[in-house]
């Protein structure tokens, strides 16, 4: 069975780390660490190495990429278009 892959927010929860901890340990700005944890930003390869090292896992054990629901983004940009 292949190893289980987790997102950054899941790893934060599993390891009882805060975004502040991640920012400090991965040597990156807090707003970038927060965006990555929320799934709004896909980290660069060098950032991925530092994040994986902060968690003590391999890069392959982390699911990288956007996880935020784009529907929420559209709502914030344009408002609710339909009558409820």
PDB file of N, CA and C in Angstrom:
ATOM      1  N   UNK A   1       0.849  -1.176   0.000  1.00  0.00           N
ATOM      2  CA  UNK A   1       0.000   0.000   0.000  1.00  0.00           C
ATOM      3  C   UNK A   1       0.894   1.239   0.000  1.00  0.00           C
ATOM      4  N   UNK A   2       0.606   2.238  -0.866  1.00  0.00           N
ATOM      5  CA  UNK A   2       1.436   3.442  -0.913  1.00  0.00           C
ATOM      6  C   UNK A   2       1.292   4.253   0.376  1.00  0.00           C
ATOM      7  N   UNK A   3       2.313   5.045   0.711  1.00  0.00           N
ATOM      8  CA  UNK A   3       2.224   5.844   1.933  1.00  0.00           C
ATOM      9  C   UNK A   3       1.106   6.879   1.834  1.00  0.00           C
ATOM     10  N   UNK A   4       0.576   7.231   2.951  1.00  0.00           N
ATOM     11  CA  UNK A   4      -0.509   8.199   2.997  1.00  0.00           C
ATOM     12  C   UNK A   4       0.039   9.612   2.828  1.00  0.00           C
ATOM     13  N   UNK A   5      -0.616  10.394   2.011  1.00  0.00           N
ATOM     14  CA  UNK A   5      -0.205  11.768   1.736  1.00  0.00           C
ATOM     15  C   UNK A   5      -1.160  12.707   2.476  1.00  0.00           C
ATOM     16  N   UNK A   6      -0.623  13.770   3.071  1.00  0.00           N
ATOM     17  CA  UNK A   6      -1.446  14.712   3.830  1.00  0.00           C
ATOM     18  C   UNK A   6      -1.202  16.139   3.350  1.00  0.00           C
ATOM     19  N   UNK A   7      -2.207  16.972   3.491  1.00  0.00           N
ATOM     20  CA  UNK A   7      -2.046  18.388   3.168  1.00  0.00           C
ATOM     21  C   UNK A   7      -1.364  19.095   4.335  1.00  0.00           C
ATOM     22  N   UNK A   8      -0.916  20.309   4.087  1.00  0.00           N
ATOM     23  CA  UNK A   8      -0.207  21.064   5.120  1.00  0.00           C
ATOM     24  C   UNK A   8      -1.107  21.303   6.329  1.00  0.00           C
ATOM     25  N   UNK A   9      -2.371  21.633   6.113  1.00  0.00           N
ATOM     26  CA  UNK A   9      -3.258  21.879   7.254  1.00  0.00           C
ATOM     27  C   UNK A   9      -3.465  20.624   8.096  1.00  0.00           C
ATOM     28  N   UNK A  10      -3.511  19.467   7.459  1.00  0.00           N
ATOM     29  CA  UNK A  10      -3.643  18.208   8.204  1.00  0.00           C
ATOM     30  C   UNK A  10      -2.376  17.942   9.013  1.00  0.00           C
ATOM     31  N   UNK A  11      -1.215  18.173   8.409  1.00  0.00           N
ATOM     32  CA  UNK A  11       0.045  17.984   9.131  1.00  0.00           C
ATOM     33  C   UNK A  11       0.159  18.940  10.315  1.00  0.00           C
ATOM     34  N   UNK A  12      -0.288  20.175  10.141  1.00  0.00           N
ATOM     35  CA  UNK A  12      -0.284  21.117  11.264  1.00  0.00           C
ATOM     36  C   UNK A  12      -1.109  20.564  12.418  1.00  0.00           C
ATOM     37  N   UNK A  13      -2.279  20.038  12.095  1.00  0.00           N
ATOM     38  CA  UNK A  13      -3.161  19.474  13.117  1.00  0.00           C
ATOM     39  C   UNK A  13      -2.548  18.235  13.759  1.00  0.00           C
ATOM     40  N   UNK A  14      -2.025  17.329  12.947  1.00  0.00           N
ATOM     41  CA  UNK A  14      -1.445  16.090  13.465  1.00  0.00           C
ATOM     42  C   UNK A  14      -0.262  16.353  14.384  1.00  0.00           C
ATOM     43  N   UNK A  15       0.551  17.346  14.037  1.00  0.00           N
ATOM     44  CA  UNK A  15       1.760  17.618  14.810  1.00  0.00           C
ATOM     45  C   UNK A  15       1.565  18.738  15.829  1.00  0.00           C
ATOM     46  N   UNK A  16       0.327  19.181  15.963  1.00  0.00           N
ATOM     47  CA  UNK A  16      -0.033  20.226  16.916  1.00  0.00           C
ATOM     48  C   UNK A  16       0.885  21.444  16.785  1.00  0.00           C
ATOM     49  N   UNK A  17       1.078  21.865  15.536  1.00  0.00           N
ATOM     50  CA  UNK A  17       1.865  23.054  15.237  1.00  0.00           C
ATOM     51  C   UNK A  17       0.918  24.180  14.832  1.00  0.00           C
ATOM     52  N   UNK A  18       1.358  25.402  15.038  1.00  0.00           N
ATOM     53  CA  UNK A  18       0.604  26.558  14.565  1.00  0.00           C
ATOM     54  C   UNK A  18       1.227  27.048  13.261  1.00  0.00           C
ATOM     55  N   UNK A  19       0.526  27.928  12.582  1.00  0.00           N
ATOM     56  CA  UNK A  19       1.075  28.529  11.367  1.00  0.00           C
ATOM     57  C   UNK A  19       2.313  29.351  11.723  1.00  0.00           C
ATOM     58  N   UNK A  20       2.300  29.977  12.897  1.00  0.00           N
ATOM     59  CA  UNK A  20       3.484  30.712  13.370  1.00  0.00           C
ATOM     60  C   UNK A  20       4.683  29.780  13.498  1.00  0.00           C
ATOM     61  N   UNK A  21       4.450  28.581  14.066  1.00  0.00           N
ATOM     62  CA  UNK A  21       5.533  27.591  14.191  1.00  0.00           C
ATOM     63  C   UNK A  21       6.073  27.218  12.816  1.00  0.00           C
ATOM     64  N   UNK A  22       5.164  26.950  11.885  1.00  0.00           N
ATOM     65  CA  UNK A  22       5.568  26.573  10.534  1.00  0.00           C
ATOM     66  C   UNK A  22       6.368  27.689   9.878  1.00  0.00           C
ATOM     67  N   UNK A  23       5.892  28.912  10.018  1.00  0.00           N
ATOM     68  CA  UNK A  23       6.580  30.063   9.438  1.00  0.00           C
ATOM     69  C   UNK A  23       8.007  30.170   9.964  1.00  0.00           C
ATOM     70  N   UNK A  24       8.143  30.022  11.262  1.00  0.00           N
ATOM     71  CA  UNK A  24       9.466  30.121  11.888  1.00  0.00           C
ATOM     72  C   UNK A  24      10.374  28.964  11.479  1.00  0.00           C
ATOM     73  N   UNK A  25       9.861  27.742  11.562  1.00  0.00           N
ATOM     74  CA  UNK A  25      10.690  26.566  11.280  1.00  0.00           C
ATOM     75  C   UNK A  25      11.026  26.420   9.802  1.00  0.00           C
ATOM     76  N   UNK A  26      10.146  26.895   8.925  1.00  0.00           N
ATOM     77  CA  UNK A  26      10.394  26.796   7.484  1.00  0.00           C
ATOM     78  C   UNK A  26      11.052  28.064   6.936  1.00  0.00           C
ATOM     79  N   UNK A  27      11.297  29.027   7.818  1.00  0.00           N
ATOM     80  CA  UNK A  27      11.977  30.268   7.442  1.00  0.00           C
ATOM     81  C   UNK A  27      11.273  30.966   6.274  1.00  0.00           C
ATOM     82  N   UNK A  28       9.980  31.264   6.501  1.00  0.00           N
ATOM     83  CA  UNK A  28       9.210  31.961   5.466  1.00  0.00           C
ATOM     84  C   UNK A  28       8.285  32.968   6.138  1.00  0.00           C
ATOM     85  N   UNK A  29       7.855  33.984   5.391  1.00  0.00           N
ATOM     86  CA  UNK A  29       6.943  34.977   5.970  1.00  0.00           C
ATOM     87  C   UNK A  29       5.644  34.331   6.454  1.00  0.00           C
ATOM     88  N   UNK A  30       5.103  34.887   7.513  1.00  0.00           N
ATOM     89  CA  UNK A  30       3.883  34.346   8.104  1.00  0.00           C
ATOM     90  C   UNK A  30       2.725  34.331   7.112  1.00  0.00           C
ATOM     91  N   UNK A  31       2.571  35.399   6.327  1.00  0.00           N
ATOM     92  CA  UNK A  31       1.446  35.425   5.386  1.00  0.00           C
ATOM     93  C   UNK A  31       1.570  34.350   4.312  1.00  0.00           C
ATOM     94  N   UNK A  32       2.794  34.013   3.920  1.00  0.00           N
ATOM     95  CA  UNK A  32       3.002  32.935   2.937  1.00  0.00           C
ATOM     96  C   UNK A  32       2.667  31.585   3.570  1.00  0.00           C
ATOM     97  N   UNK A  33       3.133  31.352   4.802  1.00  0.00           N
ATOM     98  CA  UNK A  33       2.835  30.092   5.491  1.00  0.00           C
ATOM     99  C   UNK A  33       1.332  29.928   5.680  1.00  0.00           C
ATOM    100  N   UNK A  34       0.656  31.017   6.007  1.00  0.00           N
ATOM    101  CA  UNK A  34      -0.795  30.963   6.187  1.00  0.00           C
ATOM    102  C   UNK A  34      -1.500  30.633   4.869  1.00  0.00           C
ATOM    103  N   UNK A  35      -1.083  31.270   3.787  1.00  0.00           N
ATOM    104  CA  UNK A  35      -1.693  31.009   2.475  1.00  0.00           C
ATOM    105  C   UNK A  35      -1.485  29.556   2.056  1.00  0.00           C
ATOM    106  N   UNK A  36      -0.312  29.008   2.325  1.00  0.00           N
ATOM    107  CA  UNK A  36      -0.029  27.607   1.990  1.00  0.00           C
ATOM    108  C   UNK A  36      -0.901  26.681   2.832  1.00  0.00           C
ATOM    109  N   UNK A  37      -1.009  26.970   4.130  1.00  0.00           N
ATOM    110  CA  UNK A  37      -1.811  26.131   5.024  1.00  0.00           C
ATOM    111  C   UNK A  37      -3.289  26.158   4.647  1.00  0.00           C
ATOM    112  N   UNK A  38      -3.762  27.291   4.148  1.00  0.00           N
ATOM    113  CA  UNK A  38      -5.167  27.415   3.752  1.00  0.00           C
ATOM    114  C   UNK A  38      -5.438  26.898   2.347  1.00  0.00           C
ATOM    115  N   UNK A  39      -4.382  26.499   1.635  1.00  0.00           N
ATOM    116  CA  UNK A  39      -4.555  25.970   0.289  1.00  0.00           C
ATOM    117  C   UNK A  39      -4.714  27.035  -0.770  1.00  0.00           C
ATOM    118  N   UNK A  40      -4.332  28.280  -0.452  1.00  0.00           N
ATOM    119  CA  UNK A  40      -4.451  29.376  -1.420  1.00  0.00           C
ATOM    120  C   UNK A  40      -3.177  29.588  -2.224  1.00  0.00           C
ATOM    121  N   UNK A  41      -2.098  28.933  -1.844  1.00  0.00           N
ATOM    122  CA  UNK A  41      -0.810  29.159  -2.496  1.00  0.00           C
ATOM    123  C   UNK A  41      -0.091  27.829  -2.635  1.00  0.00           C
ATOM    124  N   UNK A  42       0.460  27.579  -3.812  1.00  0.00           N
ATOM    125  CA  UNK A  42       1.270  26.381  -4.027  1.00  0.00           C
ATOM    126  C   UNK A  42       2.731  26.772  -3.834  1.00  0.00           C
ATOM    127  N   UNK A  43       3.409  26.153  -2.878  1.00  0.00           N
ATOM    128  CA  UNK A  43       4.785  26.554  -2.589  1.00  0.00           C
ATOM    129  C   UNK A  43       5.765  26.167  -3.690  1.00  0.00           C
ATOM    130  N   UNK A  44       6.811  26.968  -3.806  1.00  0.00           N
ATOM    131  CA  UNK A  44       7.902  26.700  -4.741  1.00  0.00           C
ATOM    132  C   UNK A  44       8.690  25.485  -4.249  1.00  0.00           C
ATOM    133  N   UNK A  45       9.477  24.846  -5.115  1.00  0.00           N
ATOM    134  CA  UNK A  45      10.252  23.672  -4.702  1.00  0.00           C
ATOM    135  C   UNK A  45      11.122  23.901  -3.459  1.00  0.00           C
ATOM    136  N   UNK A  46      11.786  25.045  -3.367  1.00  0.00           N
ATOM    137  CA  UNK A  46      12.625  25.318  -2.189  1.00  0.00           C
ATOM    138  C   UNK A  46      11.767  25.447  -0.930  1.00  0.00           C
ATOM    139  N   UNK A  47      10.583  26.055  -1.064  1.00  0.00           N
ATOM    140  CA  UNK A  47       9.674  26.167   0.081  1.00  0.00           C
ATOM    141  C   UNK A  47       9.157  24.794   0.496  1.00  0.00           C
ATOM    142  N   UNK A  48       8.907  23.938  -0.471  1.00  0.00           N
ATOM    143  CA  UNK A  48       8.434  22.580  -0.167  1.00  0.00           C
ATOM    144  C   UNK A  48       9.462  21.823   0.664  1.00  0.00           C
ATOM    145  N   UNK A  49      10.720  21.968   0.317  1.00  0.00           N
ATOM    146  CA  UNK A  49      11.783  21.301   1.081  1.00  0.00           C
ATOM    147  C   UNK A  49      11.796  21.790   2.521  1.00  0.00           C
ATOM    148  N   UNK A  50      11.689  23.103   2.702  1.00  0.00           N
ATOM    149  CA  UNK A  50      11.734  23.661   4.059  1.00  0.00           C
ATOM    150  C   UNK A  50      10.492  23.273   4.869  1.00  0.00           C
ATOM    151  N   UNK A  51       9.340  23.243   4.213  1.00  0.00           N
ATOM    152  CA  UNK A  51       8.107  22.863   4.906  1.00  0.00           C
ATOM    153  C   UNK A  51       8.160  21.393   5.319  1.00  0.00           C
ATOM    154  N   UNK A  52       8.558  20.529   4.397  1.00  0.00           N
ATOM    155  CA  UNK A  52       8.665  19.100   4.718  1.00  0.00           C
ATOM    156  C   UNK A  52       9.649  18.891   5.867  1.00  0.00           C
ATOM    157  N   UNK A  53      10.773  19.604   5.836  1.00  0.00           N
ATOM    158  CA  UNK A  53      11.764  19.486   6.914  1.00  0.00           C
ATOM    159  C   UNK A  53      11.175  19.956   8.244  1.00  0.00           C
ATOM    160  N   UNK A  54      10.367  21.010   8.212  1.00  0.00           N
ATOM    161  CA  UNK A  54       9.738  21.508   9.438  1.00  0.00           C
ATOM    162  C   UNK A  54       8.817  20.455  10.052  1.00  0.00           C
ATOM    163  N   UNK A  55       8.162  19.672   9.200  1.00  0.00           N
ATOM    164  CA  UNK A  55       7.282  18.603   9.682  1.00  0.00           C
ATOM    165  C   UNK A  55       8.028  17.296   9.944  1.00  0.00           C
ATOM    166  N   UNK A  56       9.254  17.189   9.453  1.00  0.00           N
ATOM    167  CA  UNK A  56      10.007  15.948   9.609  1.00  0.00           C
ATOM    168  C   UNK A  56       9.503  14.842   8.701  1.00  0.00           C
ATOM    169  N   UNK A  57       9.011  15.211   7.514  1.00  0.00           N
ATOM    170  CA  UNK A  57       8.507  14.228   6.552  1.00  0.00           C
ATOM    171  C   UNK A  57       9.204  14.431   5.214  1.00  0.00           C
ATOM    172  N   UNK A  58       9.000  13.481   4.299  1.00  0.00           N
ATOM    173  CA  UNK A  58       9.532  13.615   2.944  1.00  0.00           C
ATOM    174  C   UNK A  58       8.614  14.527   2.130  1.00  0.00           C
ATOM    175  N   UNK A  59       9.190  15.157   1.120  1.00  0.00           N
ATOM    176  CA  UNK A  59       8.400  16.027   0.241  1.00  0.00           C
ATOM    177  C   UNK A  59       7.247  15.246  -0.386  1.00  0.00           C
ATOM    178  N   UNK A  60       7.495  13.985  -0.725  1.00  0.00           N
ATOM    179  CA  UNK A  60       6.473  13.152  -1.377  1.00  0.00           C
ATOM    180  C   UNK A  60       5.303  12.827  -0.450  1.00  0.00           C
ATOM    181  N   UNK A  61       5.486  13.019   0.856  1.00  0.00           N
ATOM    182  CA  UNK A  61       4.435  12.702   1.817  1.00  0.00           C
ATOM    183  C   UNK A  61       3.447  13.852   2.016  1.00  0.00           C
ATOM    184  N   UNK A  62       3.679  14.956   1.319  1.00  0.00           N
ATOM    185  CA  UNK A  62       2.810  16.128   1.457  1.00  0.00           C
ATOM    186  C   UNK A  62       2.078  16.363   0.139  1.00  0.00           C
ATOM    187  N   UNK A  63       0.786  16.630   0.233  1.00  0.00           N
ATOM    188  CA  UNK A  63      -0.005  16.969  -0.946  1.00  0.00           C
ATOM    189  C   UNK A  63       0.113  18.474  -1.165  1.00  0.00           C
ATOM    190  N   UNK A  64       0.755  18.840  -2.265  1.00  0.00           N
ATOM    191  CA  UNK A  64       0.975  20.254  -2.578  1.00  0.00           C
ATOM    192  C   UNK A  64      -0.070  20.720  -3.573  1.00  0.00           C
ATOM    193  N   UNK A  65      -0.528  21.916  -3.441  1.00  0.00           N
ATOM    194  CA  UNK A  65      -1.451  22.469  -4.416  1.00  0.00           C
ATOM    195  C   UNK A  65      -2.620  23.163  -3.762  1.00  0.00           C
ATOM    196  N   UNK A  66      -3.431  23.746  -4.602  1.00  0.00           N
ATOM    197  CA  UNK A  66      -4.591  24.483  -4.122  1.00  0.00           C
ATOM    198  C   UNK A  66      -5.641  23.512  -3.604  1.00  0.00           C
ATOM    199  N   UNK A  67      -6.180  23.815  -2.439  1.00  0.00           N
ATOM    200  CA  UNK A  67      -7.258  23.005  -1.875  1.00  0.00           C
ATOM    201  C   UNK A  67      -8.483  23.858  -1.569  1.00  0.00           C
ATOM    202  N   UNK A  68      -8.375  25.145  -1.807  1.00  0.00           N
ATOM    203  CA  UNK A  68      -9.477  26.052  -1.509  1.00  0.00           C
ATOM    204  C   UNK A  68     -10.570  25.922  -2.563  1.00  0.00           C
ATOM    205  N   UNK A  69     -11.809  25.964  -2.119  1.00  0.00           N
ATOM    206  CA  UNK A  69     -12.950  25.860  -3.022  1.00  0.00           C
ATOM    207  C   UNK A  69     -13.061  27.134  -3.862  1.00  0.00           C
ATOM    208  N   UNK A  70     -12.916  27.036  -5.187  1.00  0.00           N
ATOM    209  CA  UNK A  70     -12.982  28.236  -6.018  1.00  0.00           C
ATOM    210  C   UNK A  70     -14.338  28.931  -5.968  1.00  0.00           C
ATOM    211  N   UNK A  71     -15.358  28.215  -5.579  1.00  0.00           N
ATOM    212  CA  UNK A  71     -16.680  28.830  -5.466  1.00  0.00           C
ATOM    213  C   UNK A  71     -16.666  29.939  -4.413  1.00  0.00           C
ATOM    214  N   UNK A  72     -15.916  29.719  -3.316  1.00  0.00           N
ATOM    215  CA  UNK A  72     -15.806  30.747  -2.286  1.00  0.00           C
ATOM    216  C   UNK A  72     -15.114  31.994  -2.825  1.00  0.00           C
ATOM    217  N   UNK A  73     -14.118  31.801  -3.663  1.00  0.00           N
ATOM    218  CA  UNK A  73     -13.393  32.924  -4.243  1.00  0.00           C
ATOM    219  C   UNK A  73     -14.326  33.732  -5.135  1.00  0.00           C
ATOM    220  N   UNK A  74     -15.092  33.062  -5.971  1.00  0.00           N
ATOM    221  CA  UNK A  74     -16.031  33.769  -6.854  1.00  0.00           C
ATOM    222  C   UNK A  74     -17.054  34.549  -6.037  1.00  0.00           C
ATOM    223  N   UNK A  75     -17.539  33.971  -4.963  1.00  0.00           N
ATOM    224  CA  UNK A  75     -18.522  34.667  -4.130  1.00  0.00           C
ATOM    225  C   UNK A  75     -17.920  35.951  -3.574  1.00  0.00           C
ATOM    226  N   UNK A  76     -16.694  35.882  -3.102  1.00  0.00           N
ATOM    227  CA  UNK A  76     -16.051  37.072  -2.540  1.00  0.00           C
ATOM    228  C   UNK A  76     -15.788  38.127  -3.614  1.00  0.00           C
ATOM    229  N   UNK A  77     -15.536  37.697  -4.836  1.00  0.00           N
ATOM    230  CA  UNK A  77     -15.262  38.651  -5.913  1.00  0.00           C
ATOM    231  C   UNK A  77     -16.536  39.311  -6.433  1.00  0.00           C
ATOM    232  N   UNK A  78     -17.595  38.523  -6.609  1.00  0.00           N
ATOM    233  CA  UNK A  78     -18.777  39.010  -7.314  1.00  0.00           C
ATOM    234  C   UNK A  78     -20.051  39.049  -6.466  1.00  0.00           C
ATOM    235  N   UNK A  79     -20.030  38.497  -5.287  1.00  0.00           N
ATOM    236  CA  UNK A  79     -21.226  38.446  -4.462  1.00  0.00           C
ATOM    237  C   UNK A  79     -22.155  37.328  -4.905  1.00  0.00           C
ATOM    238  N   UNK A  80     -23.190  37.128  -4.171  1.00  0.00           N
ATOM    239  CA  UNK A  80     -24.164  36.088  -4.478  1.00  0.00           C
ATOM    240  C   UNK A  80     -25.090  36.595  -5.575  1.00  0.00           C
ATOM    241  N   UNK A  81     -25.114  35.915  -6.719  1.00  0.00           N
ATOM    242  CA  UNK A  81     -25.852  36.378  -7.893  1.00  0.00           C
ATOM    243  C   UNK A  81     -27.311  35.920  -7.914  1.00  0.00           C
ATOM    244  N   UNK A  82     -27.634  34.941  -7.124  1.00  0.00           N
ATOM    245  CA  UNK A  82     -28.987  34.396  -7.200  1.00  0.00           C
ATOM    246  C   UNK A  82     -29.815  34.810  -5.985  1.00  0.00           C
ATOM    247  N   UNK A  83     -31.104  34.868  -6.170  1.00  0.00           N
ATOM    248  CA  UNK A  83     -32.014  35.193  -5.081  1.00  0.00           C
ATOM    249  C   UNK A  83     -32.217  33.967  -4.203  1.00  0.00           C
ATOM    250  N   UNK A  84     -32.209  34.189  -2.930  1.00  0.00           N
ATOM    251  CA  UNK A  84     -32.441  33.074  -1.992  1.00  0.00           C
ATOM    252  C   UNK A  84     -33.710  33.355  -1.222  1.00  0.00           C
TER     253      UNK A  84
END
